[in-house]
Amino acid sequence: MRVAMYYNNRDVRLEEMPKPPIGPGELLVQVMASGICGSDVMEWYRLKQAPRVLGHEIAGEIVAVGDGVTQYHVGERVFVSHHIPCNTCRYCLHGQHTVCETLHTTNFDPGGFAEYLRVPRLNVDRGVFPLPPEMSFEDGVFIEPLACVVRGQRLARLQPGQSVLVLGSGIAGLLHIALARALGAGRILATDVNEYRLNAARQFGAEVALNAREDVPNRVREVNAGRLADVVIVCAGAYSAFIQALQSVDRGGTVMFFATPEPGVTIPVPVNDFWRNGITLLPSYGGAPLDIVQAIELIRARRVPVREMVTHRLGLAETGLGFRLVAEAKESIKVVVEPQR
């Protein structure tokens, strides 16, 4: 079968590898659509894994079932979660599924930028979700990233009417903007350094889109009735975005670190001020099964307009172009690879 083998952001090669055989309890899925995630182009994280077939935002069709599989059938359209929790450890039992050791060690074989992938038994047990009839394969690539966003806003306890500031208007930021709008947030503000993405932020629900090079905290006050933001969501890995976040949150507010800087970067936190002002800092990584279920329903019901976020649809041989588009972060939003083209 054909795969797109990742070596670095500028070197993704179309190669051949054997179609993975499946065993008892496993599935073989023909990948119909696979999204390129911002984490796929984080070289500080990915280069140590190279060469490797990446891709974890997938939707496809089951083409073979292993012995003992009774809950799924050939021809079924599915989303497959690459990381799945055990649901039995102390972390899962306390609702902290994304720190579960099983979640951090599971995956499918080889990756989403391939014509086929093998779904291991554990993923079949708790990581396969049928696509509703009204959802396309392209819609399905948004399930995983939207589930991560759902979890982040759930942890941040975003309430109707609250003001929201999203720092970074790439695909993660746009999903946060669209979900916050769907959940009834008040004034939604967004930043970026790219005018194309600022326009996208306005399109998907931001009332105000600010250039990140401006004095963001003061601009937030100017357009938000003299107040800073109730919820600040960091969706850019730049150091400056983290500093702006800490300076832009109102008393009693929450700063959520949805993105991460490079390893070794330390962010100074004004602990005394935050203590006095009741400000919450929290990270958010990944999504849990409940978040996936909610993401599927949000997409099915068109509460979050994901279809309009796709800017590029590429064949498997063009995956390298897709990686360059995402890494450059200029005039692209969501890049989808269709391995069967």
Protein backbone atom coordinates (compact mmCIF):
# COMPACT_ATOMS: atom_id res chain seq x y z
CA MET A 1 0.00 0.00 0.00
CA ARG A 2 1.05 3.64 -0.39
CA VAL A 3 2.01 5.75 2.62
CA ALA A 4 3.32 9.27 3.15
CA MET A 5 6.50 8.80 5.20
CA TYR A 6 7.50 11.76 7.35
CA TYR A 7 11.19 12.68 7.62
CA ASN A 8 10.75 16.38 8.39
CA ASN A 9 8.35 19.19 7.47
CA ARG A 10 10.02 19.64 4.08
CA ASP A 11 10.60 15.95 3.39
CA VAL A 12 7.51 13.77 3.27
CA ARG A 13 7.90 10.91 0.77
CA LEU A 14 5.39 8.68 -0.98
CA GLU A 15 6.56 5.15 -0.18
CA GLU A 16 5.28 1.59 -0.24
CA MET A 17 4.81 -0.72 2.72
CA PRO A 18 2.85 -3.94 3.21
CA LYS A 19 -0.81 -3.65 4.07
CA PRO A 20 -0.94 -4.43 7.82
CA PRO A 21 -2.36 -7.88 8.62
CA ILE A 22 -5.01 -8.01 11.32
CA GLY A 23 -5.43 -10.49 14.13
CA PRO A 24 -8.31 -11.55 16.39
CA GLY A 25 -10.31 -8.62 17.72
CA GLU A 26 -8.80 -6.18 15.22
CA LEU A 27 -10.05 -4.16 12.25
CA LEU A 28 -8.61 -3.10 8.92
CA VAL A 29 -9.81 0.36 7.91
CA GLN A 30 -9.44 1.97 4.51
CA VAL A 31 -8.54 5.58 5.22
CA MET A 32 -10.76 7.94 3.26
CA ALA A 33 -9.74 11.25 4.85
CA SER A 34 -6.95 12.30 7.20
CA GLY A 35 -6.36 15.79 8.58
CA ILE A 36 -2.96 17.35 9.12
CA CYS A 37 -2.78 18.53 12.72
CA GLY A 38 -0.66 21.40 13.99
CA SER A 39 1.10 18.88 16.22
CA ASP A 40 2.17 16.95 13.11
CA VAL A 41 4.44 19.83 12.10
CA MET A 42 6.03 20.45 15.53
CA GLU A 43 9.52 19.32 14.53
CA TRP A 44 10.92 19.49 18.06
CA TYR A 45 8.44 16.70 18.85
CA ARG A 46 8.24 14.81 15.55
CA LEU A 47 11.87 14.61 14.36
CA LYS A 48 12.83 12.19 17.13
CA GLN A 49 10.12 9.82 15.83
CA ALA A 50 11.11 10.05 12.14
CA PRO A 51 10.86 8.34 9.76
CA ARG A 52 7.25 7.58 10.56
CA VAL A 53 3.78 7.57 9.04
CA LEU A 54 1.91 10.27 10.94
CA GLY A 55 -1.77 11.18 10.88
CA HIS A 56 -4.29 10.73 13.70
CA GLU A 57 -7.37 12.68 12.53
CA ILE A 58 -8.92 9.98 10.37
CA ALA A 59 -12.20 8.72 8.99
CA GLY A 60 -12.61 5.65 6.83
CA GLU A 61 -14.43 2.45 6.02
CA ILE A 62 -13.99 -0.97 7.60
CA VAL A 63 -12.77 -3.44 4.98
CA ALA A 64 -11.93 -6.45 7.18
CA VAL A 65 -12.83 -7.64 10.70
CA GLY A 66 -10.81 -10.00 12.84
CA ASP A 67 -12.11 -13.10 14.59
CA GLY A 68 -14.35 -12.25 17.51
CA VAL A 69 -15.36 -8.79 16.32
CA THR A 70 -19.14 -8.64 16.41
CA GLN A 71 -19.94 -4.97 17.04
CA TYR A 72 -18.63 -3.69 13.69
CA HIS A 73 -19.00 -4.92 10.13
CA VAL A 74 -17.36 -4.58 6.73
CA GLY A 75 -18.55 -1.45 4.92
CA GLU A 76 -19.21 0.54 8.11
CA ARG A 77 -18.05 4.17 8.06
CA VAL A 78 -16.09 5.03 11.20
CA PHE A 79 -13.89 7.46 13.06
CA VAL A 80 -11.05 5.75 14.91
CA SER A 81 -9.39 7.28 17.97
CA HIS A 82 -5.62 6.70 18.02
CA HIS A 83 -5.15 7.30 21.77
CA ILE A 84 -7.60 5.54 24.07
CA PRO A 85 -7.77 5.36 27.89
CA CYS A 86 -7.98 2.20 29.98
CA ASN A 87 -11.08 3.48 31.84
CA THR A 88 -10.00 1.58 34.97
CA CYS A 89 -6.93 3.35 36.43
CA ARG A 90 -7.16 5.93 39.22
CA TYR A 91 -6.84 8.77 36.70
CA CYS A 92 -9.67 7.54 34.47
CA LEU A 93 -11.88 6.87 37.48
CA HIS A 94 -11.38 10.49 38.53
CA GLY A 95 -12.23 11.83 35.07
CA GLN A 96 -8.61 12.51 34.08
CA HIS A 97 -8.57 10.21 31.06
CA THR A 98 -5.96 12.17 29.12
CA VAL A 99 -3.22 11.51 31.68
CA CYS A 100 -3.91 7.76 31.62
CA GLU A 101 -0.77 5.76 30.77
CA THR A 102 -2.72 3.60 28.33
CA LEU A 103 -3.86 6.69 26.42
CA HIS A 104 -0.24 7.80 26.02
CA THR A 105 0.96 4.43 24.74
CA THR A 106 -1.82 3.34 22.35
CA ASN A 107 -2.02 4.08 18.62
CA PHE A 108 -3.10 2.56 15.35
CA ASP A 109 -0.81 1.04 12.71
CA PRO A 110 0.81 2.69 10.83
CA GLY A 111 -0.84 6.15 10.77
CA GLY A 112 -3.52 8.14 8.99
CA PHE A 113 -1.41 9.14 5.99
CA ALA A 114 -1.71 5.68 4.50
CA GLU A 115 -4.22 3.82 2.36
CA TYR A 116 -5.07 1.38 5.17
CA LEU A 117 -4.50 1.08 8.89
CA ARG A 118 -4.83 -1.67 11.46
CA VAL A 119 -6.93 -0.93 14.53
CA PRO A 120 -5.59 -2.88 17.54
CA ARG A 121 -7.94 -4.85 19.79
CA LEU A 122 -7.94 -2.27 22.59
CA ASN A 123 -8.78 0.56 20.18
CA VAL A 124 -11.56 -1.58 18.67
CA ASP A 125 -12.97 -2.06 22.15
CA ARG A 126 -13.22 1.63 23.06
CA GLY A 127 -11.94 3.84 20.25
CA VAL A 128 -14.13 3.17 17.18
CA PHE A 129 -17.15 5.40 16.59
CA PRO A 130 -19.59 4.96 13.68
CA LEU A 131 -20.12 8.08 11.57
CA PRO A 132 -23.73 9.31 11.44
CA PRO A 133 -25.23 9.05 7.93
CA GLU A 134 -25.26 12.83 7.48
CA MET A 135 -21.53 13.15 8.24
CA SER A 136 -18.99 12.95 5.43
CA PHE A 137 -15.53 11.45 5.79
CA GLU A 138 -14.20 15.00 5.56
CA ASP A 139 -16.39 16.01 8.50
CA GLY A 140 -14.99 13.03 10.36
CA VAL A 141 -11.43 14.36 10.40
CA PHE A 142 -12.61 17.13 12.72
CA ILE A 143 -13.87 14.74 15.40
CA GLU A 144 -10.53 14.34 17.15
CA PRO A 145 -9.48 18.02 17.15
CA LEU A 146 -12.96 19.19 18.14
CA ALA A 147 -13.06 16.63 20.98
CA CYS A 148 -9.85 18.20 22.33
CA VAL A 149 -11.50 21.63 22.14
CA VAL A 150 -14.66 20.35 23.84
CA ARG A 151 -12.59 19.01 26.71
CA GLY A 152 -10.64 22.26 27.04
CA GLN A 153 -13.74 24.41 27.30
CA ARG A 154 -15.35 21.94 29.68
CA LEU A 155 -12.33 22.16 31.98
CA ALA A 156 -12.35 25.97 31.70
CA ARG A 157 -16.03 25.92 32.71
CA LEU A 158 -16.94 28.40 30.01
CA GLN A 159 -20.34 29.90 30.83
CA PRO A 160 -22.88 31.64 28.56
CA GLY A 161 -22.25 35.37 28.42
CA GLN A 162 -18.59 35.20 29.41
CA SER A 163 -16.03 37.04 27.31
CA VAL A 164 -13.46 34.85 25.58
CA LEU A 165 -10.05 35.75 24.16
CA VAL A 166 -8.45 33.22 21.81
CA LEU A 167 -4.74 33.79 21.15
CA GLY A 168 -3.87 32.26 17.77
CA SER A 169 -6.39 31.75 14.96
CA GLY A 170 -5.14 28.58 13.35
CA ILE A 171 -7.45 25.57 13.20
CA ALA A 172 -7.40 25.02 16.98
CA GLY A 173 -8.20 28.67 17.64
CA LEU A 174 -10.99 28.69 15.06
CA LEU A 175 -12.57 25.58 16.58
CA HIS A 176 -12.44 27.24 20.00
CA ILE A 177 -14.05 30.38 18.56
CA ALA A 178 -16.80 28.40 16.82
CA LEU A 179 -17.52 26.22 19.87
CA ALA A 180 -17.57 29.20 22.23
CA ARG A 181 -20.09 30.86 19.93
CA ALA A 182 -22.19 27.67 19.84
CA LEU A 183 -22.15 27.48 23.65
CA GLY A 184 -23.42 31.02 24.08
CA ALA A 185 -20.28 32.91 25.02
CA GLY A 186 -20.51 36.69 25.18
CA ARG A 187 -17.93 38.81 23.38
CA ILE A 188 -15.39 36.66 21.56
CA LEU A 189 -12.02 38.18 20.69
CA ALA A 190 -9.18 36.61 18.72
CA THR A 191 -5.59 37.39 17.79
CA ASP A 192 -3.11 36.38 15.12
CA VAL A 193 -0.26 37.93 13.14
CA ASN A 194 -1.74 36.78 9.82
CA GLU A 195 -4.53 38.84 8.23
CA TYR A 196 -5.89 35.77 6.42
CA ARG A 197 -6.43 34.04 9.75
CA LEU A 198 -7.84 37.15 11.38
CA ASN A 199 -10.47 37.23 8.65
CA ALA A 200 -11.17 33.55 9.31
CA ALA A 201 -11.59 34.31 13.02
CA ARG A 202 -14.24 36.88 12.14
CA GLN A 203 -15.93 34.42 9.80
CA PHE A 204 -16.26 31.75 12.49
CA GLY A 205 -17.52 33.91 15.32
CA ALA A 206 -15.02 36.41 16.68
CA GLU A 207 -16.54 39.88 17.09
CA VAL A 208 -13.10 41.44 17.32
CA ALA A 209 -9.89 40.21 15.66
CA LEU A 210 -6.66 41.86 16.82
CA ASN A 211 -3.17 41.76 15.41
CA ALA A 212 -1.08 39.94 18.02
CA ARG A 213 1.68 42.56 17.61
CA GLU A 214 -0.59 45.18 19.18
CA ASP A 215 -0.86 45.90 22.90
CA VAL A 216 -3.37 43.10 23.31
CA PRO A 217 -4.36 43.63 26.97
CA ASN A 218 -5.15 47.32 26.39
CA ARG A 219 -6.97 46.57 23.16
CA VAL A 220 -9.07 43.96 24.98
CA ARG A 221 -10.08 46.58 27.55
CA GLU A 222 -10.95 49.05 24.81
CA VAL A 223 -13.35 46.70 23.05
CA ASN A 224 -14.65 44.81 26.10
CA ALA A 225 -16.26 47.60 28.15
CA GLY A 226 -13.07 48.31 30.09
CA ARG A 227 -12.63 44.72 31.26
CA LEU A 228 -10.14 42.01 30.48
CA ALA A 229 -11.38 38.59 29.31
CA ASP A 230 -13.13 36.05 31.51
CA VAL A 231 -11.58 33.10 29.68
CA VAL A 232 -8.28 33.30 27.78
CA ILE A 233 -7.34 30.36 25.53
CA VAL A 234 -3.77 30.05 24.26
CA CYS A 235 -3.71 28.37 20.84
CA ALA A 236 -0.27 29.55 19.71
CA GLY A 237 3.08 28.17 20.84
CA ALA A 238 4.84 31.56 20.74
CA TYR A 239 6.27 32.77 24.05
CA SER A 240 4.62 36.15 23.50
CA ALA A 241 1.18 34.54 23.38
CA PHE A 242 1.62 33.06 26.85
CA ILE A 243 2.73 36.42 28.27
CA GLN A 244 -0.24 38.16 26.62
CA ALA A 245 -2.56 35.55 28.10
CA LEU A 246 -1.36 36.20 31.64
CA GLN A 247 -1.82 39.94 31.10
CA SER A 248 -5.26 39.69 29.49
CA VAL A 249 -7.32 37.72 32.00
CA ASP A 250 -9.87 39.41 34.25
CA ARG A 251 -10.28 38.89 38.00
CA GLY A 252 -11.87 35.53 38.68
CA GLY A 253 -10.98 34.44 35.15
CA THR A 254 -9.25 31.43 33.65
CA VAL A 255 -6.23 31.04 31.40
CA MET A 256 -6.18 27.77 29.50
CA PHE A 257 -2.96 26.60 27.87
CA PHE A 258 -4.27 24.66 24.88
CA ALA A 259 -0.98 25.03 22.98
CA THR A 260 2.47 24.43 24.38
CA PRO A 261 5.81 26.19 23.90
CA GLU A 262 8.96 24.27 23.04
CA PRO A 263 10.50 22.13 25.80
CA GLY A 264 12.58 24.07 28.31
CA VAL A 265 10.61 27.32 27.95
CA THR A 266 9.62 28.78 31.33
CA ILE A 267 6.71 31.19 31.64
CA PRO A 268 6.87 33.69 34.53
CA VAL A 269 3.62 33.78 36.49
CA PRO A 270 2.67 36.69 38.80
CA VAL A 271 1.56 34.32 41.55
CA ASN A 272 0.74 37.00 44.11
CA ASP A 273 -1.52 38.91 41.74
CA PHE A 274 -3.22 35.74 40.57
CA TRP A 275 -3.71 34.61 44.17
CA ARG A 276 -5.35 37.91 45.11
CA ASN A 277 -7.50 37.99 41.98
CA GLY A 278 -8.66 34.37 41.99
CA ILE A 279 -7.25 33.55 38.55
CA THR A 280 -7.09 29.93 37.42
CA LEU A 281 -4.33 28.53 35.21
CA LEU A 282 -4.92 25.17 33.57
CA PRO A 283 -3.51 23.09 30.72
CA SER A 284 -5.62 20.96 28.40
CA TYR A 285 -4.31 18.01 26.42
CA GLY A 286 -6.26 15.62 24.24
CA GLY A 287 -9.84 14.46 24.47
CA ALA A 288 -11.66 11.70 26.35
CA PRO A 289 -14.32 9.32 24.94
CA LEU A 290 -17.15 11.52 26.25
CA ASP A 291 -15.63 14.49 24.44
CA ILE A 292 -15.54 12.47 21.21
CA VAL A 293 -19.24 11.64 21.52
CA GLN A 294 -20.05 15.32 22.06
CA ALA A 295 -17.85 16.37 19.14
CA ILE A 296 -19.63 13.94 16.82
CA GLU A 297 -23.02 15.37 17.80
CA LEU A 298 -21.83 18.97 17.42
CA ILE A 299 -20.61 18.22 13.90
CA ARG A 300 -23.66 16.14 12.98
CA ALA A 301 -26.01 18.90 14.10
CA ARG A 302 -23.88 21.54 12.34
CA ARG A 303 -23.48 23.46 15.60
CA VAL A 304 -19.81 23.87 14.68
CA PRO A 305 -19.36 24.59 10.95
CA VAL A 306 -16.29 22.46 10.31
CA ARG A 307 -16.92 21.89 6.61
CA GLU A 308 -16.22 25.54 5.86
CA MET A 309 -12.80 25.32 7.53
CA VAL A 310 -11.31 23.03 4.88
CA THR A 311 -9.07 25.02 2.52
CA HIS A 312 -7.07 22.24 0.85
CA ARG A 313 -7.94 18.71 -0.24
CA LEU A 314 -4.88 16.74 -1.37
CA GLY A 315 -4.07 13.26 -2.59
CA LEU A 316 -1.61 11.07 -0.71
CA ALA A 317 1.20 11.98 -3.12
CA GLU A 318 0.66 15.64 -2.19
CA THR A 319 1.01 15.13 1.58
CA GLY A 320 4.38 16.89 1.54
CA LEU A 321 2.71 20.01 0.13
CA GLY A 322 0.13 19.76 2.90
CA PHE A 323 2.83 19.66 5.58
CA ARG A 324 4.48 22.74 4.12
CA LEU A 325 1.17 24.60 4.02
CA VAL A 326 0.43 23.82 7.66
CA ALA A 327 3.98 24.58 8.81
CA GLU A 328 4.04 27.92 6.98
CA ALA A 329 0.73 28.92 8.63
CA LYS A 330 -0.14 31.48 5.96
CA GLU A 331 -3.18 31.03 3.71
CA SER A 332 -4.49 27.67 4.86
CA ILE A 333 -6.81 26.56 7.63
CA LYS A 334 -7.57 22.84 7.47
CA VAL A 335 -5.60 20.64 5.10
CA VAL A 336 -7.18 17.24 4.43
CA VAL A 337 -5.38 14.33 2.77
CA GLU A 338 -7.53 11.82 0.84
CA PRO A 339 -5.40 8.65 0.54
CA GLN A 340 -7.66 7.00 -2.02
CA ARG A 341 -7.18 9.79 -4.62
